[in-house]
């Protein structure tokens, strides 16, 4: 069973001395809804094509010990992609071609993350008020 990580826990990792792409990576599986902002440094791997490209992604990230998946809400696309990816990584590890690793799902997805951290350029990039902002709430 896959574990979840909170927005605060992910923010702490990003702001730590851990190196993106080496110590951890964030995989955003949103499709057309990728527009309007993303977690800084996140890799977009659209869910509509995820199964076709999962082995390429595993090959690129097989030496990364912590991989965090999310979509907009992390209710369907993020958890599904994380399961597919985890199975492929576990197979490699079983074959002795991978390191111990953890695959996590960002609780609340980008929606919750951006609501909390949209004003922090260390955590969110390309944020768009037109996509996420509601004038009556600002």
N, C-alpha and C. Protein backbone atom coordinates (compact mmCIF):
# COMPACT_ATOMS: atom_id res chain seq x y z
N UNK A 1 0.84 -1.19 0.00
CA UNK A 1 0.00 0.00 0.00
C UNK A 1 0.89 1.25 0.00
N UNK A 2 0.51 2.21 -0.81
CA UNK A 2 1.31 3.43 -0.92
C UNK A 2 0.97 4.39 0.22
N UNK A 3 1.96 5.17 0.58
CA UNK A 3 1.79 6.14 1.67
C UNK A 3 1.56 7.52 1.09
N UNK A 4 0.92 8.34 1.90
CA UNK A 4 0.68 9.74 1.53
C UNK A 4 1.66 10.64 2.25
N UNK A 5 1.91 11.79 1.63
CA UNK A 5 2.75 12.82 2.21
C UNK A 5 1.91 14.10 2.21
N UNK A 6 2.04 14.91 3.26
CA UNK A 6 1.27 16.15 3.32
C UNK A 6 1.99 17.26 2.57
N UNK A 7 1.26 18.33 2.30
CA UNK A 7 1.86 19.50 1.66
C UNK A 7 3.01 20.04 2.51
N UNK A 8 2.82 20.07 3.81
CA UNK A 8 3.88 20.58 4.71
C UNK A 8 5.12 19.70 4.66
N UNK A 9 4.92 18.38 4.63
CA UNK A 9 6.07 17.46 4.57
C UNK A 9 6.83 17.62 3.26
N UNK A 10 6.10 17.77 2.15
CA UNK A 10 6.76 17.96 0.86
C UNK A 10 7.48 19.31 0.82
N UNK A 11 6.85 20.34 1.33
CA UNK A 11 7.49 21.66 1.37
C UNK A 11 8.80 21.60 2.16
N UNK A 12 8.79 20.86 3.26
CA UNK A 12 10.01 20.73 4.07
C UNK A 12 11.12 20.02 3.29
N UNK A 13 10.77 19.00 2.52
CA UNK A 13 11.76 18.31 1.69
C UNK A 13 12.34 19.26 0.65
N UNK A 14 11.46 19.98 -0.04
CA UNK A 14 11.91 20.90 -1.10
C UNK A 14 12.83 21.98 -0.53
N UNK A 15 12.51 22.47 0.66
CA UNK A 15 13.29 23.55 1.27
C UNK A 15 14.52 23.04 2.03
N UNK A 16 14.67 21.72 2.11
CA UNK A 16 15.82 21.16 2.82
C UNK A 16 17.05 21.18 1.90
N UNK A 17 18.12 20.55 2.36
CA UNK A 17 19.33 20.47 1.53
C UNK A 17 19.28 19.28 0.57
N UNK A 18 18.12 18.61 0.50
CA UNK A 18 17.98 17.50 -0.45
C UNK A 18 17.99 18.04 -1.87
N UNK A 19 18.57 17.27 -2.79
CA UNK A 19 18.75 17.71 -4.17
C UNK A 19 17.65 17.12 -5.06
N UNK A 20 16.87 18.00 -5.74
CA UNK A 20 15.84 17.47 -6.64
C UNK A 20 16.47 16.67 -7.77
N UNK A 21 15.84 15.56 -8.11
CA UNK A 21 16.36 14.70 -9.16
C UNK A 21 17.41 13.71 -8.68
N UNK A 22 17.91 13.93 -7.46
CA UNK A 22 18.90 13.02 -6.88
C UNK A 22 18.35 12.38 -5.60
N UNK A 23 17.88 13.22 -4.68
CA UNK A 23 17.35 12.73 -3.41
C UNK A 23 15.83 12.50 -3.47
N UNK A 24 15.17 13.28 -4.30
CA UNK A 24 13.72 13.17 -4.44
C UNK A 24 13.31 13.71 -5.81
N UNK A 25 12.12 13.35 -6.24
CA UNK A 25 11.54 14.01 -7.41
C UNK A 25 10.03 14.02 -7.25
N UNK A 26 9.43 15.02 -7.88
CA UNK A 26 7.98 15.20 -7.84
C UNK A 26 7.46 14.96 -9.25
N UNK A 27 6.51 14.05 -9.37
CA UNK A 27 5.91 13.71 -10.66
C UNK A 27 4.46 14.18 -10.66
N UNK A 28 4.16 15.10 -11.55
CA UNK A 28 2.83 15.69 -11.67
C UNK A 28 2.15 15.03 -12.87
N UNK A 29 1.07 14.29 -12.63
CA UNK A 29 0.43 13.56 -13.73
C UNK A 29 -0.82 14.25 -14.27
N UNK A 30 -0.94 15.56 -14.00
CA UNK A 30 -2.07 16.29 -14.58
C UNK A 30 -1.91 16.34 -16.09
N UNK A 31 -3.02 16.42 -16.78
CA UNK A 31 -3.02 16.49 -18.24
C UNK A 31 -3.15 17.95 -18.66
N UNK A 32 -4.26 18.32 -19.29
CA UNK A 32 -4.47 19.71 -19.71
C UNK A 32 -4.49 20.66 -18.52
N UNK A 33 -4.80 20.15 -17.34
CA UNK A 33 -4.86 21.00 -16.16
C UNK A 33 -3.48 21.28 -15.54
N UNK A 34 -2.41 20.91 -16.25
CA UNK A 34 -1.03 21.26 -15.84
C UNK A 34 -0.83 22.77 -15.93
N UNK A 35 -1.53 23.42 -16.85
CA UNK A 35 -1.41 24.87 -17.05
C UNK A 35 -1.88 25.60 -15.79
N UNK A 36 -1.18 26.63 -15.43
CA UNK A 36 -1.63 27.46 -14.31
C UNK A 36 -0.79 27.34 -13.06
N UNK A 37 0.26 26.54 -13.13
CA UNK A 37 1.17 26.44 -11.99
C UNK A 37 1.55 25.02 -11.70
N UNK A 38 2.70 24.89 -11.04
CA UNK A 38 3.19 23.56 -10.66
C UNK A 38 4.15 23.68 -9.49
N UNK A 39 4.37 22.55 -8.84
CA UNK A 39 5.36 22.50 -7.77
C UNK A 39 6.71 22.70 -8.42
N UNK A 40 7.52 23.55 -7.83
CA UNK A 40 8.81 23.91 -8.42
C UNK A 40 9.63 22.65 -8.72
N UNK A 41 10.05 22.55 -9.97
CA UNK A 41 10.88 21.44 -10.39
C UNK A 41 10.14 20.15 -10.71
N UNK A 42 8.82 20.16 -10.61
CA UNK A 42 8.05 18.93 -10.86
C UNK A 42 8.18 18.52 -12.33
N UNK A 43 8.15 17.22 -12.55
CA UNK A 43 8.20 16.65 -13.90
C UNK A 43 6.76 16.31 -14.29
N UNK A 44 6.31 16.84 -15.43
CA UNK A 44 4.95 16.52 -15.89
C UNK A 44 4.97 15.23 -16.71
N UNK A 45 4.21 14.25 -16.24
CA UNK A 45 4.06 12.96 -16.92
C UNK A 45 2.55 12.72 -17.03
N UNK A 46 1.91 13.28 -18.07
CA UNK A 46 0.45 13.24 -18.17
C UNK A 46 -0.15 11.84 -18.00
N UNK A 47 -1.22 11.78 -17.21
CA UNK A 47 -1.84 10.49 -16.91
C UNK A 47 -2.36 9.80 -18.16
N UNK A 48 -2.79 10.58 -19.16
CA UNK A 48 -3.35 9.98 -20.37
C UNK A 48 -2.33 9.13 -21.13
N UNK A 49 -1.05 9.41 -20.94
CA UNK A 49 0.02 8.67 -21.61
C UNK A 49 0.93 7.95 -20.62
N UNK A 50 0.56 7.95 -19.33
CA UNK A 50 1.47 7.48 -18.30
C UNK A 50 1.90 6.02 -18.49
N UNK A 51 0.93 5.15 -18.76
CA UNK A 51 1.25 3.73 -18.86
C UNK A 51 2.25 3.46 -19.98
N UNK A 52 2.12 4.20 -21.07
CA UNK A 52 3.01 4.02 -22.23
C UNK A 52 4.45 4.43 -21.88
N UNK A 53 4.59 5.44 -21.03
CA UNK A 53 5.91 6.01 -20.75
C UNK A 53 6.48 5.65 -19.38
N UNK A 54 5.80 4.80 -18.62
CA UNK A 54 6.24 4.53 -17.25
C UNK A 54 7.64 3.95 -17.20
N UNK A 55 8.00 3.08 -18.14
CA UNK A 55 9.34 2.47 -18.07
C UNK A 55 10.44 3.49 -18.35
N UNK A 56 10.18 4.47 -19.22
CA UNK A 56 11.14 5.55 -19.44
C UNK A 56 11.33 6.36 -18.16
N UNK A 57 10.22 6.64 -17.49
CA UNK A 57 10.28 7.41 -16.24
C UNK A 57 11.04 6.63 -15.16
N UNK A 58 10.76 5.34 -15.06
CA UNK A 58 11.48 4.51 -14.08
C UNK A 58 12.98 4.51 -14.38
N UNK A 59 13.32 4.39 -15.64
CA UNK A 59 14.74 4.38 -16.03
C UNK A 59 15.42 5.68 -15.63
N UNK A 60 14.73 6.82 -15.80
CA UNK A 60 15.31 8.12 -15.46
C UNK A 60 15.39 8.36 -13.96
N UNK A 61 14.53 7.69 -13.20
CA UNK A 61 14.44 8.00 -11.77
C UNK A 61 14.81 6.82 -10.86
N UNK A 62 15.35 5.76 -11.41
CA UNK A 62 15.58 4.55 -10.61
C UNK A 62 16.64 4.71 -9.53
N UNK A 63 17.39 5.79 -9.56
CA UNK A 63 18.38 6.03 -8.51
C UNK A 63 17.92 7.10 -7.52
N UNK A 64 16.64 7.49 -7.63
CA UNK A 64 16.06 8.49 -6.74
C UNK A 64 15.29 7.76 -5.63
N UNK A 65 15.67 7.97 -4.37
CA UNK A 65 15.05 7.19 -3.30
C UNK A 65 13.61 7.59 -2.93
N UNK A 66 13.22 8.84 -3.20
CA UNK A 66 11.87 9.29 -2.85
C UNK A 66 11.22 9.92 -4.07
N UNK A 67 10.08 9.35 -4.47
CA UNK A 67 9.35 9.87 -5.62
C UNK A 67 7.92 10.17 -5.17
N UNK A 68 7.51 11.43 -5.38
CA UNK A 68 6.20 11.90 -4.94
C UNK A 68 5.31 12.14 -6.16
N UNK A 69 4.14 11.52 -6.17
CA UNK A 69 3.18 11.69 -7.26
C UNK A 69 2.02 12.55 -6.82
N UNK A 70 1.48 13.30 -7.79
CA UNK A 70 0.24 14.03 -7.52
C UNK A 70 -0.44 14.39 -8.83
N UNK A 71 -1.73 14.71 -8.72
CA UNK A 71 -2.49 15.30 -9.81
C UNK A 71 -3.17 16.52 -9.20
N UNK A 72 -4.33 16.90 -9.69
CA UNK A 72 -4.99 18.07 -9.13
C UNK A 72 -5.42 17.85 -7.68
N UNK A 73 -6.06 16.72 -7.41
CA UNK A 73 -6.56 16.44 -6.07
C UNK A 73 -5.95 15.19 -5.44
N UNK A 74 -5.18 14.43 -6.23
CA UNK A 74 -4.57 13.17 -5.79
C UNK A 74 -5.62 12.17 -5.31
N UNK A 75 -6.72 12.11 -6.05
CA UNK A 75 -7.76 11.13 -5.72
C UNK A 75 -7.80 9.98 -6.71
N UNK A 76 -7.51 10.24 -8.00
CA UNK A 76 -7.59 9.18 -9.00
C UNK A 76 -6.28 9.06 -9.79
N UNK A 77 -5.96 10.08 -10.58
CA UNK A 77 -4.81 9.98 -11.48
C UNK A 77 -3.49 9.82 -10.73
N UNK A 78 -3.25 10.63 -9.70
CA UNK A 78 -2.00 10.55 -8.94
C UNK A 78 -1.79 9.18 -8.30
N UNK A 79 -2.79 8.70 -7.52
CA UNK A 79 -2.62 7.37 -6.90
C UNK A 79 -2.47 6.24 -7.92
N UNK A 80 -3.22 6.31 -9.03
CA UNK A 80 -3.12 5.26 -10.05
C UNK A 80 -1.73 5.24 -10.66
N UNK A 81 -1.21 6.41 -11.03
CA UNK A 81 0.13 6.49 -11.62
C UNK A 81 1.18 6.03 -10.61
N UNK A 82 1.01 6.40 -9.35
CA UNK A 82 1.96 5.99 -8.32
C UNK A 82 1.99 4.47 -8.18
N UNK A 83 0.83 3.83 -8.26
CA UNK A 83 0.78 2.36 -8.17
C UNK A 83 1.50 1.71 -9.35
N UNK A 84 1.23 2.20 -10.55
CA UNK A 84 1.86 1.66 -11.75
C UNK A 84 3.38 1.82 -11.65
N UNK A 85 3.81 3.02 -11.27
CA UNK A 85 5.24 3.31 -11.14
C UNK A 85 5.87 2.43 -10.06
N UNK A 86 5.21 2.32 -8.90
CA UNK A 86 5.75 1.53 -7.79
C UNK A 86 5.93 0.08 -8.18
N UNK A 87 4.99 -0.47 -8.93
CA UNK A 87 5.11 -1.87 -9.38
C UNK A 87 6.34 -2.03 -10.27
N UNK A 88 6.56 -1.08 -11.17
CA UNK A 88 7.71 -1.16 -12.07
C UNK A 88 9.02 -1.02 -11.29
N UNK A 89 9.06 -0.09 -10.32
CA UNK A 89 10.26 0.09 -9.49
C UNK A 89 10.52 -1.15 -8.64
N UNK A 90 9.46 -1.71 -8.06
CA UNK A 90 9.62 -2.90 -7.22
C UNK A 90 10.17 -4.07 -8.02
N UNK A 91 9.73 -4.18 -9.26
CA UNK A 91 10.24 -5.24 -10.15
C UNK A 91 11.74 -5.07 -10.37
N UNK A 92 12.16 -3.84 -10.65
CA UNK A 92 13.60 -3.57 -10.84
C UNK A 92 14.38 -3.88 -9.57
N UNK A 93 13.84 -3.46 -8.42
CA UNK A 93 14.54 -3.71 -7.16
C UNK A 93 14.65 -5.22 -6.93
N UNK A 94 13.58 -5.94 -7.24
CA UNK A 94 13.60 -7.40 -7.10
C UNK A 94 14.64 -8.05 -7.99
N UNK A 95 14.91 -7.42 -9.14
CA UNK A 95 15.91 -7.93 -10.07
C UNK A 95 17.32 -7.44 -9.72
N UNK A 96 17.43 -6.67 -8.63
CA UNK A 96 18.72 -6.16 -8.20
C UNK A 96 19.21 -4.97 -8.99
N UNK A 97 18.31 -4.31 -9.72
CA UNK A 97 18.70 -3.18 -10.58
C UNK A 97 18.23 -1.84 -10.04
N UNK A 98 17.83 -1.79 -8.79
CA UNK A 98 17.30 -0.56 -8.22
C UNK A 98 17.71 -0.47 -6.76
N UNK A 99 17.58 0.71 -6.21
CA UNK A 99 17.88 0.94 -4.80
C UNK A 99 16.57 0.90 -4.00
N UNK A 100 16.65 0.73 -2.69
CA UNK A 100 15.44 0.86 -1.87
C UNK A 100 14.84 2.25 -2.09
N UNK A 101 13.54 2.31 -2.15
CA UNK A 101 12.89 3.57 -2.50
C UNK A 101 11.51 3.65 -1.86
N UNK A 102 10.98 4.85 -1.84
CA UNK A 102 9.60 5.04 -1.41
C UNK A 102 8.86 5.85 -2.45
N UNK A 103 7.66 5.43 -2.74
CA UNK A 103 6.78 6.13 -3.66
C UNK A 103 5.64 6.69 -2.83
N UNK A 104 5.47 7.99 -2.88
CA UNK A 104 4.49 8.69 -2.05
C UNK A 104 3.47 9.41 -2.92
N UNK A 105 2.31 9.70 -2.34
CA UNK A 105 1.26 10.46 -3.01
C UNK A 105 1.02 11.73 -2.19
N UNK A 106 0.99 12.87 -2.86
CA UNK A 106 0.76 14.14 -2.19
C UNK A 106 -0.73 14.27 -1.84
N UNK A 107 -1.02 14.27 -0.55
CA UNK A 107 -2.41 14.38 -0.10
C UNK A 107 -2.98 15.75 -0.52
N UNK A 108 -4.14 15.73 -1.15
CA UNK A 108 -4.78 16.97 -1.57
C UNK A 108 -4.30 17.48 -2.92
N UNK A 109 -3.27 16.86 -3.48
CA UNK A 109 -2.77 17.21 -4.80
C UNK A 109 -2.28 18.65 -4.91
N UNK A 110 -2.15 19.08 -6.17
CA UNK A 110 -1.65 20.44 -6.41
C UNK A 110 -2.65 21.48 -5.93
N UNK A 111 -3.93 21.15 -5.95
CA UNK A 111 -4.94 22.10 -5.52
C UNK A 111 -4.68 22.58 -4.09
N UNK A 112 -4.49 21.65 -3.17
CA UNK A 112 -4.21 22.03 -1.78
C UNK A 112 -2.83 22.66 -1.64
N UNK A 113 -1.84 22.12 -2.37
CA UNK A 113 -0.47 22.64 -2.27
C UNK A 113 -0.42 24.10 -2.72
N UNK A 114 -1.03 24.40 -3.87
CA UNK A 114 -0.98 25.78 -4.36
C UNK A 114 -1.79 26.72 -3.49
N UNK A 115 -2.87 26.23 -2.89
CA UNK A 115 -3.67 27.09 -2.02
C UNK A 115 -2.83 27.57 -0.83
N UNK A 116 -1.96 26.70 -0.36
CA UNK A 116 -1.14 27.01 0.80
C UNK A 116 0.15 27.74 0.44
N UNK A 117 0.76 27.39 -0.70
CA UNK A 117 2.12 27.86 -1.00
C UNK A 117 2.28 28.67 -2.30
N UNK A 118 1.17 29.10 -2.90
CA UNK A 118 1.25 29.78 -4.20
C UNK A 118 2.14 31.03 -4.18
N UNK A 119 2.29 31.66 -3.04
CA UNK A 119 3.09 32.88 -2.95
C UNK A 119 4.55 32.62 -2.62
N UNK A 120 4.95 31.36 -2.55
CA UNK A 120 6.34 31.02 -2.22
C UNK A 120 7.05 30.50 -3.47
N UNK A 121 7.91 31.34 -4.09
CA UNK A 121 8.57 30.94 -5.34
C UNK A 121 9.53 29.76 -5.18
N UNK A 122 9.90 29.41 -3.95
CA UNK A 122 10.73 28.22 -3.73
C UNK A 122 9.91 26.94 -3.87
N UNK A 123 8.58 27.07 -3.80
CA UNK A 123 7.71 25.90 -3.79
C UNK A 123 6.79 25.79 -5.01
N UNK A 124 6.33 26.93 -5.53
CA UNK A 124 5.40 26.92 -6.65
C UNK A 124 5.92 27.85 -7.75
N UNK A 125 5.86 27.36 -8.99
CA UNK A 125 6.27 28.19 -10.13
C UNK A 125 5.15 28.20 -11.16
N UNK A 126 5.15 29.24 -12.00
CA UNK A 126 4.19 29.40 -13.10
C UNK A 126 2.75 29.52 -12.62
N UNK A 127 2.55 29.96 -11.38
CA UNK A 127 1.20 30.06 -10.83
C UNK A 127 0.42 31.15 -11.55
N UNK A 128 -0.83 30.88 -11.87
CA UNK A 128 -1.67 31.83 -12.60
C UNK A 128 -2.93 32.15 -11.82
N UNK A 129 -3.10 33.43 -11.53
CA UNK A 129 -4.31 33.89 -10.84
C UNK A 129 -5.54 33.61 -11.68
N UNK A 130 -5.40 33.67 -13.02
CA UNK A 130 -6.54 33.43 -13.90
C UNK A 130 -7.05 31.99 -13.76
N UNK A 131 -6.14 31.07 -13.53
CA UNK A 131 -6.53 29.67 -13.40
C UNK A 131 -7.03 29.36 -11.99
N UNK A 132 -6.30 29.82 -10.98
CA UNK A 132 -6.59 29.43 -9.60
C UNK A 132 -7.29 30.49 -8.77
N UNK A 133 -7.15 31.75 -9.16
CA UNK A 133 -7.69 32.83 -8.34
C UNK A 133 -9.17 33.05 -8.53
N UNK A 134 -9.82 33.36 -7.48
CA UNK A 134 -11.23 33.74 -7.51
C UNK A 134 -11.30 35.11 -6.84
N UNK A 135 -11.55 36.17 -7.62
CA UNK A 135 -11.47 37.55 -7.09
C UNK A 135 -12.25 37.73 -5.79
N UNK A 136 -13.39 37.06 -5.66
CA UNK A 136 -14.16 37.25 -4.44
C UNK A 136 -13.46 36.65 -3.22
N UNK A 137 -12.47 35.77 -3.45
CA UNK A 137 -11.76 35.15 -2.33
C UNK A 137 -10.48 35.90 -1.99
N UNK A 138 -9.98 36.71 -2.93
CA UNK A 138 -8.68 37.35 -2.71
C UNK A 138 -8.78 38.60 -1.86
